[in-house]
């Protein structure tokens, strides 16, 4: 069953947690992120405030470390 990933600006840690849950579910199911999910999450990272961006990256590191490469810039990251 196809899932719709919405592009949004995270306004709370709960929205970030929902995004992390979506990433984890897709990684568990497919072993990778679809291009649509990758683009949506990267857009949300770009428009989010620094606290929520750091929260997202920290939770991805903790819960879905295999997905971290989708969100870190080459040569570093947070």
PDB file of N, CA and C in Angstrom:
ATOM      1  N   UNK A   1       0.838  -1.179   0.000  1.00  0.00           N
ATOM      2  CA  UNK A   1       0.000   0.000   0.000  1.00  0.00           C
ATOM      3  C   UNK A   1       0.885   1.246   0.000  1.00  0.00           C
ATOM      4  N   UNK A   2       0.635   2.146  -0.923  1.00  0.00           N
ATOM      5  CA  UNK A   2       1.431   3.370  -1.022  1.00  0.00           C
ATOM      6  C   UNK A   2       1.058   4.317   0.112  1.00  0.00           C
ATOM      7  N   UNK A   3       2.073   4.978   0.622  1.00  0.00           N
ATOM      8  CA  UNK A   3       1.838   5.960   1.682  1.00  0.00           C
ATOM      9  C   UNK A   3       2.130   7.341   1.140  1.00  0.00           C
ATOM     10  N   UNK A   4       1.414   8.310   1.613  1.00  0.00           N
ATOM     11  CA  UNK A   4       1.642   9.688   1.217  1.00  0.00           C
ATOM     12  C   UNK A   4       2.464  10.365   2.299  1.00  0.00           C
ATOM     13  N   UNK A   5       3.568  10.950   1.890  1.00  0.00           N
ATOM     14  CA  UNK A   5       4.419  11.696   2.804  1.00  0.00           C
ATOM     15  C   UNK A   5       4.184  13.172   2.513  1.00  0.00           C
ATOM     16  N   UNK A   6       3.744  13.908   3.493  1.00  0.00           N
ATOM     17  CA  UNK A   6       3.481  15.324   3.260  1.00  0.00           C
ATOM     18  C   UNK A   6       4.721  16.147   3.585  1.00  0.00           C
ATOM     19  N   UNK A   7       4.919  17.169   2.791  1.00  0.00           N
ATOM     20  CA  UNK A   7       6.015  18.101   3.018  1.00  0.00           C
ATOM     21  C   UNK A   7       5.474  19.186   3.935  1.00  0.00           C
ATOM     22  N   UNK A   8       6.149  19.379   5.048  1.00  0.00           N
ATOM     23  CA  UNK A   8       5.675  20.401   5.966  1.00  0.00           C
ATOM     24  C   UNK A   8       6.827  20.996   6.743  1.00  0.00           C
ATOM     25  N   UNK A   9       6.552  22.131   7.333  1.00  0.00           N
ATOM     26  CA  UNK A   9       7.516  22.746   8.241  1.00  0.00           C
ATOM     27  C   UNK A   9       7.173  22.265   9.638  1.00  0.00           C
ATOM     28  N   UNK A  10       8.129  21.588  10.259  1.00  0.00           N
ATOM     29  CA  UNK A  10       7.902  21.095  11.606  1.00  0.00           C
ATOM     30  C   UNK A  10       7.745  22.272  12.562  1.00  0.00           C
ATOM     31  N   UNK A  11       6.697  22.207  13.373  1.00  0.00           N
ATOM     32  CA  UNK A  11       6.428  23.261  14.351  1.00  0.00           C
ATOM     33  C   UNK A  11       6.613  22.771  15.781  1.00  0.00           C
ATOM     34  N   UNK A  12       6.807  21.459  15.958  1.00  0.00           N
ATOM     35  CA  UNK A  12       6.927  20.915  17.314  1.00  0.00           C
ATOM     36  C   UNK A  12       7.774  19.645  17.283  1.00  0.00           C
ATOM     37  N   UNK A  13       8.244  19.263  18.464  1.00  0.00           N
ATOM     38  CA  UNK A  13       8.989  18.009  18.561  1.00  0.00           C
ATOM     39  C   UNK A  13       8.104  16.818  18.213  1.00  0.00           C
ATOM     40  N   UNK A  14       6.810  16.914  18.470  1.00  0.00           N
ATOM     41  CA  UNK A  14       5.902  15.820  18.109  1.00  0.00           C
ATOM     42  C   UNK A  14       5.865  15.619  16.593  1.00  0.00           C
ATOM     43  N   UNK A  15       5.875  16.699  15.832  1.00  0.00           N
ATOM     44  CA  UNK A  15       5.910  16.569  14.371  1.00  0.00           C
ATOM     45  C   UNK A  15       7.217  15.945  13.910  1.00  0.00           C
ATOM     46  N   UNK A  16       8.309  16.286  14.582  1.00  0.00           N
ATOM     47  CA  UNK A  16       9.595  15.659  14.273  1.00  0.00           C
ATOM     48  C   UNK A  16       9.538  14.170  14.599  1.00  0.00           C
ATOM     49  N   UNK A  17       8.974  13.826  15.744  1.00  0.00           N
ATOM     50  CA  UNK A  17       8.851  12.412  16.119  1.00  0.00           C
ATOM     51  C   UNK A  17       8.027  11.645  15.082  1.00  0.00           C
ATOM     52  N   UNK A  18       6.967  12.267  14.575  1.00  0.00           N
ATOM     53  CA  UNK A  18       6.161  11.627  13.531  1.00  0.00           C
ATOM     54  C   UNK A  18       6.988  11.395  12.269  1.00  0.00           C
ATOM     55  N   UNK A  19       7.819  12.371  11.918  1.00  0.00           N
ATOM     56  CA  UNK A  19       8.674  12.232  10.740  1.00  0.00           C
ATOM     57  C   UNK A  19       9.684  11.102  10.936  1.00  0.00           C
ATOM     58  N   UNK A  20      10.287  11.031  12.113  1.00  0.00           N
ATOM     59  CA  UNK A  20      11.236   9.955  12.413  1.00  0.00           C
ATOM     60  C   UNK A  20      10.526   8.605  12.330  1.00  0.00           C
ATOM     61  N   UNK A  21       9.319   8.533  12.841  1.00  0.00           N
ATOM     62  CA  UNK A  21       8.529   7.298  12.765  1.00  0.00           C
ATOM     63  C   UNK A  21       8.298   6.901  11.307  1.00  0.00           C
ATOM     64  N   UNK A  22       7.970   7.874  10.452  1.00  0.00           N
ATOM     65  CA  UNK A  22       7.761   7.588   9.027  1.00  0.00           C
ATOM     66  C   UNK A  22       9.033   7.066   8.370  1.00  0.00           C
ATOM     67  N   UNK A  23      10.171   7.695   8.696  1.00  0.00           N
ATOM     68  CA  UNK A  23      11.451   7.248   8.140  1.00  0.00           C
ATOM     69  C   UNK A  23      11.746   5.822   8.594  1.00  0.00           C
ATOM     70  N   UNK A  24      11.565   5.564   9.882  1.00  0.00           N
ATOM     71  CA  UNK A  24      11.835   4.224  10.417  1.00  0.00           C
ATOM     72  C   UNK A  24      10.936   3.183   9.760  1.00  0.00           C
ATOM     73  N   UNK A  25       9.659   3.489   9.619  1.00  0.00           N
ATOM     74  CA  UNK A  25       8.720   2.539   9.017  1.00  0.00           C
ATOM     75  C   UNK A  25       9.111   2.221   7.574  1.00  0.00           C
ATOM     76  N   UNK A  26       9.489   3.237   6.832  1.00  0.00           N
ATOM     77  CA  UNK A  26       9.863   3.005   5.432  1.00  0.00           C
ATOM     78  C   UNK A  26      11.178   2.237   5.334  1.00  0.00           C
ATOM     79  N   UNK A  27      12.137   2.561   6.185  1.00  0.00           N
ATOM     80  CA  UNK A  27      13.407   1.828   6.178  1.00  0.00           C
ATOM     81  C   UNK A  27      13.182   0.370   6.569  1.00  0.00           C
ATOM     82  N   UNK A  28      12.334   0.126   7.555  1.00  0.00           N
ATOM     83  CA  UNK A  28      12.036  -1.248   7.970  1.00  0.00           C
ATOM     84  C   UNK A  28      11.355  -2.024   6.849  1.00  0.00           C
ATOM     85  N   UNK A  29      10.462  -1.349   6.133  1.00  0.00           N
ATOM     86  CA  UNK A  29       9.685  -2.009   5.089  1.00  0.00           C
ATOM     87  C   UNK A  29      10.477  -2.205   3.798  1.00  0.00           C
ATOM     88  N   UNK A  30      11.219  -1.170   3.385  1.00  0.00           N
ATOM     89  CA  UNK A  30      11.863  -1.199   2.070  1.00  0.00           C
ATOM     90  C   UNK A  30      13.380  -1.343   2.124  1.00  0.00           C
ATOM     91  N   UNK A  31      13.973  -1.029   3.271  1.00  0.00           N
ATOM     92  CA  UNK A  31      15.427  -1.042   3.369  1.00  0.00           C
ATOM     93  C   UNK A  31      16.071   0.226   2.846  1.00  0.00           C
ATOM     94  N   UNK A  32      15.256   1.147   2.383  1.00  0.00           N
ATOM     95  CA  UNK A  32      15.729   2.428   1.863  1.00  0.00           C
ATOM     96  C   UNK A  32      14.556   3.400   1.847  1.00  0.00           C
ATOM     97  N   UNK A  33      14.882   4.675   1.616  1.00  0.00           N
ATOM     98  CA  UNK A  33      13.824   5.671   1.492  1.00  0.00           C
ATOM     99  C   UNK A  33      13.503   5.894   0.024  1.00  0.00           C
ATOM    100  N   UNK A  34      12.237   6.087  -0.262  1.00  0.00           N
ATOM    101  CA  UNK A  34      11.854   6.467  -1.623  1.00  0.00           C
ATOM    102  C   UNK A  34      12.377   7.875  -1.886  1.00  0.00           C
ATOM    103  N   UNK A  35      12.510   8.215  -3.146  1.00  0.00           N
ATOM    104  CA  UNK A  35      12.957   9.569  -3.499  1.00  0.00           C
ATOM    105  C   UNK A  35      11.970  10.611  -2.969  1.00  0.00           C
ATOM    106  N   UNK A  36      10.679  10.300  -3.015  1.00  0.00           N
ATOM    107  CA  UNK A  36       9.673  11.246  -2.510  1.00  0.00           C
ATOM    108  C   UNK A  36       9.855  11.506  -1.019  1.00  0.00           C
ATOM    109  N   UNK A  37      10.068  10.448  -0.257  1.00  0.00           N
ATOM    110  CA  UNK A  37      10.272  10.616   1.186  1.00  0.00           C
ATOM    111  C   UNK A  37      11.564  11.371   1.453  1.00  0.00           C
ATOM    112  N   UNK A  38      12.620  11.000   0.745  1.00  0.00           N
ATOM    113  CA  UNK A  38      13.903  11.677   0.928  1.00  0.00           C
ATOM    114  C   UNK A  38      13.762  13.174   0.659  1.00  0.00           C
ATOM    115  N   UNK A  39      13.136  13.532  -0.449  1.00  0.00           N
ATOM    116  CA  UNK A  39      12.955  14.951  -0.790  1.00  0.00           C
ATOM    117  C   UNK A  39      12.092  15.677   0.241  1.00  0.00           C
ATOM    118  N   UNK A  40      11.015  15.040   0.671  1.00  0.00           N
ATOM    119  CA  UNK A  40      10.118  15.674   1.646  1.00  0.00           C
ATOM    120  C   UNK A  40      10.847  15.936   2.960  1.00  0.00           C
ATOM    121  N   UNK A  41      11.592  14.950   3.433  1.00  0.00           N
ATOM    122  CA  UNK A  41      12.297  15.112   4.706  1.00  0.00           C
ATOM    123  C   UNK A  41      13.420  16.135   4.576  1.00  0.00           C
ATOM    124  N   UNK A  42      14.131  16.131   3.451  1.00  0.00           N
ATOM    125  CA  UNK A  42      15.193  17.116   3.264  1.00  0.00           C
ATOM    126  C   UNK A  42      14.617  18.528   3.211  1.00  0.00           C
ATOM    127  N   UNK A  43      13.457  18.676   2.564  1.00  0.00           N
ATOM    128  CA  UNK A  43      12.811  19.993   2.532  1.00  0.00           C
ATOM    129  C   UNK A  43      12.430  20.427   3.950  1.00  0.00           C
ATOM    130  N   UNK A  44      11.847  19.519   4.707  1.00  0.00           N
ATOM    131  CA  UNK A  44      11.465  19.854   6.084  1.00  0.00           C
ATOM    132  C   UNK A  44      12.683  20.250   6.903  1.00  0.00           C
ATOM    133  N   UNK A  45      13.802  19.573   6.686  1.00  0.00           N
ATOM    134  CA  UNK A  45      15.042  19.933   7.385  1.00  0.00           C
ATOM    135  C   UNK A  45      15.493  21.342   7.017  1.00  0.00           C
ATOM    136  N   UNK A  46      15.383  21.682   5.739  1.00  0.00           N
ATOM    137  CA  UNK A  46      15.835  23.000   5.280  1.00  0.00           C
ATOM    138  C   UNK A  46      15.021  24.140   5.875  1.00  0.00           C
ATOM    139  N   UNK A  47      13.734  23.925   6.072  1.00  0.00           N
ATOM    140  CA  UNK A  47      12.872  25.019   6.534  1.00  0.00           C
ATOM    141  C   UNK A  47      12.624  24.999   8.043  1.00  0.00           C
ATOM    142  N   UNK A  48      13.070  23.954   8.717  1.00  0.00           N
ATOM    143  CA  UNK A  48      12.868  23.851  10.171  1.00  0.00           C
ATOM    144  C   UNK A  48      13.850  24.750  10.913  1.00  0.00           C
ATOM    145  N   UNK A  49      13.466  25.111  12.104  1.00  0.00           N
ATOM    146  CA  UNK A  49      14.372  25.849  12.969  1.00  0.00           C
ATOM    147  C   UNK A  49      15.513  24.947  13.427  1.00  0.00           C
ATOM    148  N   UNK A  50      16.596  25.537  13.910  1.00  0.00           N
ATOM    149  CA  UNK A  50      17.771  24.748  14.291  1.00  0.00           C
ATOM    150  C   UNK A  50      17.509  23.731  15.398  1.00  0.00           C
ATOM    151  N   UNK A  51      16.676  24.065  16.366  1.00  0.00           N
ATOM    152  CA  UNK A  51      16.401  23.119  17.452  1.00  0.00           C
ATOM    153  C   UNK A  51      15.688  21.874  16.936  1.00  0.00           C
ATOM    154  N   UNK A  52      14.699  22.067  16.068  1.00  0.00           N
ATOM    155  CA  UNK A  52      13.963  20.919  15.532  1.00  0.00           C
ATOM    156  C   UNK A  52      14.818  20.126  14.549  1.00  0.00           C
ATOM    157  N   UNK A  53      15.662  20.812  13.788  1.00  0.00           N
ATOM    158  CA  UNK A  53      16.585  20.119  12.886  1.00  0.00           C
ATOM    159  C   UNK A  53      17.522  19.223  13.684  1.00  0.00           C
ATOM    160  N   UNK A  54      18.101  19.768  14.743  1.00  0.00           N
ATOM    161  CA  UNK A  54      19.006  18.975  15.578  1.00  0.00           C
ATOM    162  C   UNK A  54      18.274  17.822  16.251  1.00  0.00           C
ATOM    163  N   UNK A  55      17.046  18.065  16.671  1.00  0.00           N
ATOM    164  CA  UNK A  55      16.248  17.000  17.292  1.00  0.00           C
ATOM    165  C   UNK A  55      16.008  15.872  16.283  1.00  0.00           C
ATOM    166  N   UNK A  56      15.648  16.227  15.055  1.00  0.00           N
ATOM    167  CA  UNK A  56      15.422  15.222  14.012  1.00  0.00           C
ATOM    168  C   UNK A  56      16.686  14.390  13.782  1.00  0.00           C
ATOM    169  N   UNK A  57      17.813  15.056  13.582  1.00  0.00           N
ATOM    170  CA  UNK A  57      19.057  14.327  13.305  1.00  0.00           C
ATOM    171  C   UNK A  57      19.466  13.449  14.487  1.00  0.00           C
ATOM    172  N   UNK A  58      19.282  13.939  15.700  1.00  0.00           N
ATOM    173  CA  UNK A  58      19.608  13.143  16.892  1.00  0.00           C
ATOM    174  C   UNK A  58      18.732  11.891  16.960  1.00  0.00           C
ATOM    175  N   UNK A  59      17.432  12.049  16.709  1.00  0.00           N
ATOM    176  CA  UNK A  59      16.514  10.901  16.774  1.00  0.00           C
ATOM    177  C   UNK A  59      16.775   9.911  15.639  1.00  0.00           C
ATOM    178  N   UNK A  60      17.146  10.405  14.466  1.00  0.00           N
ATOM    179  CA  UNK A  60      17.499   9.492  13.367  1.00  0.00           C
ATOM    180  C   UNK A  60      18.741   8.696  13.764  1.00  0.00           C
ATOM    181  N   UNK A  61      19.752   9.373  14.330  1.00  0.00           N
ATOM    182  CA  UNK A  61      20.962   8.665  14.782  1.00  0.00           C
ATOM    183  C   UNK A  61      20.618   7.569  15.775  1.00  0.00           C
ATOM    184  N   UNK A  62      19.694   7.853  16.687  1.00  0.00           N
ATOM    185  CA  UNK A  62      19.328   6.897  17.733  1.00  0.00           C
ATOM    186  C   UNK A  62      18.460   5.754  17.208  1.00  0.00           C
ATOM    187  N   UNK A  63      17.492   6.072  16.364  1.00  0.00           N
ATOM    188  CA  UNK A  63      16.486   5.082  15.984  1.00  0.00           C
ATOM    189  C   UNK A  63      16.699   4.443  14.617  1.00  0.00           C
ATOM    190  N   UNK A  64      17.275   5.187  13.682  1.00  0.00           N
ATOM    191  CA  UNK A  64      17.414   4.683  12.307  1.00  0.00           C
ATOM    192  C   UNK A  64      18.774   5.099  11.746  1.00  0.00           C
ATOM    193  N   UNK A  65      19.860   4.666  12.367  1.00  0.00           N
ATOM    194  CA  UNK A  65      21.175   5.137  11.925  1.00  0.00           C
ATOM    195  C   UNK A  65      21.474   4.831  10.456  1.00  0.00           C
ATOM    196  N   UNK A  66      20.879   3.782   9.917  1.00  0.00           N
ATOM    197  CA  UNK A  66      21.105   3.461   8.504  1.00  0.00           C
ATOM    198  C   UNK A  66      20.526   4.517   7.566  1.00  0.00           C
ATOM    199  N   UNK A  67      19.648   5.364   8.053  1.00  0.00           N
ATOM    200  CA  UNK A  67      19.045   6.407   7.221  1.00  0.00           C
ATOM    201  C   UNK A  67      19.777   7.741   7.335  1.00  0.00           C
ATOM    202  N   UNK A  68      20.746   7.825   8.216  1.00  0.00           N
ATOM    203  CA  UNK A  68      21.400   9.104   8.474  1.00  0.00           C
ATOM    204  C   UNK A  68      22.040   9.691   7.220  1.00  0.00           C
ATOM    205  N   UNK A  69      22.584   8.841   6.357  1.00  0.00           N
ATOM    206  CA  UNK A  69      23.271   9.349   5.163  1.00  0.00           C
ATOM    207  C   UNK A  69      22.341  10.131   4.228  1.00  0.00           C
ATOM    208  N   UNK A  70      21.044   9.936   4.343  1.00  0.00           N
ATOM    209  CA  UNK A  70      20.102  10.701   3.524  1.00  0.00           C
ATOM    210  C   UNK A  70      20.037  12.169   3.946  1.00  0.00           C
ATOM    211  N   UNK A  71      20.467  12.463   5.165  1.00  0.00           N
ATOM    212  CA  UNK A  71      20.240  13.790   5.729  1.00  0.00           C
ATOM    213  C   UNK A  71      21.503  14.555   6.085  1.00  0.00           C
ATOM    214  N   UNK A  72      22.651  13.912   6.047  1.00  0.00           N
ATOM    215  CA  UNK A  72      23.888  14.615   6.360  1.00  0.00           C
ATOM    216  C   UNK A  72      24.506  15.142   5.085  1.00  0.00           C
ATOM    217  N   UNK A  73      25.087  16.321   5.198  1.00  0.00           N
ATOM    218  CA  UNK A  73      25.796  16.887   4.060  1.00  0.00           C
ATOM    219  C   UNK A  73      27.133  16.182   3.927  1.00  0.00           C
ATOM    220  N   UNK A  74      27.635  16.160   2.700  1.00  0.00           N
ATOM    221  CA  UNK A  74      28.951  15.566   2.475  1.00  0.00           C
ATOM    222  C   UNK A  74      29.981  16.332   3.299  1.00  0.00           C
ATOM    223  N   UNK A  75      30.876  15.591   3.909  1.00  0.00           N
ATOM    224  CA  UNK A  75      31.937  16.210   4.683  1.00  0.00           C
ATOM    225  C   UNK A  75      31.534  16.585   6.092  1.00  0.00           C
ATOM    226  N   UNK A  76      30.406  16.143   6.545  1.00  0.00           N
ATOM    227  CA  UNK A  76      30.045  16.491   7.911  1.00  0.00           C
ATOM    228  C   UNK A  76      28.599  16.259   8.213  1.00  0.00           C
ATOM    229  N   UNK A  77      28.030  17.168   8.884  1.00  0.00           N
ATOM    230  CA  UNK A  77      26.674  17.046   9.401  1.00  0.00           C
ATOM    231  C   UNK A  77      26.683  17.647  10.783  1.00  0.00           C
ATOM    232  N   UNK A  78      25.604  17.530  11.485  1.00  0.00           N
ATOM    233  CA  UNK A  78      25.581  18.095  12.827  1.00  0.00           C
ATOM    234  C   UNK A  78      26.016  17.082  13.831  1.00  0.00           C
TER     235      UNK A  78
END
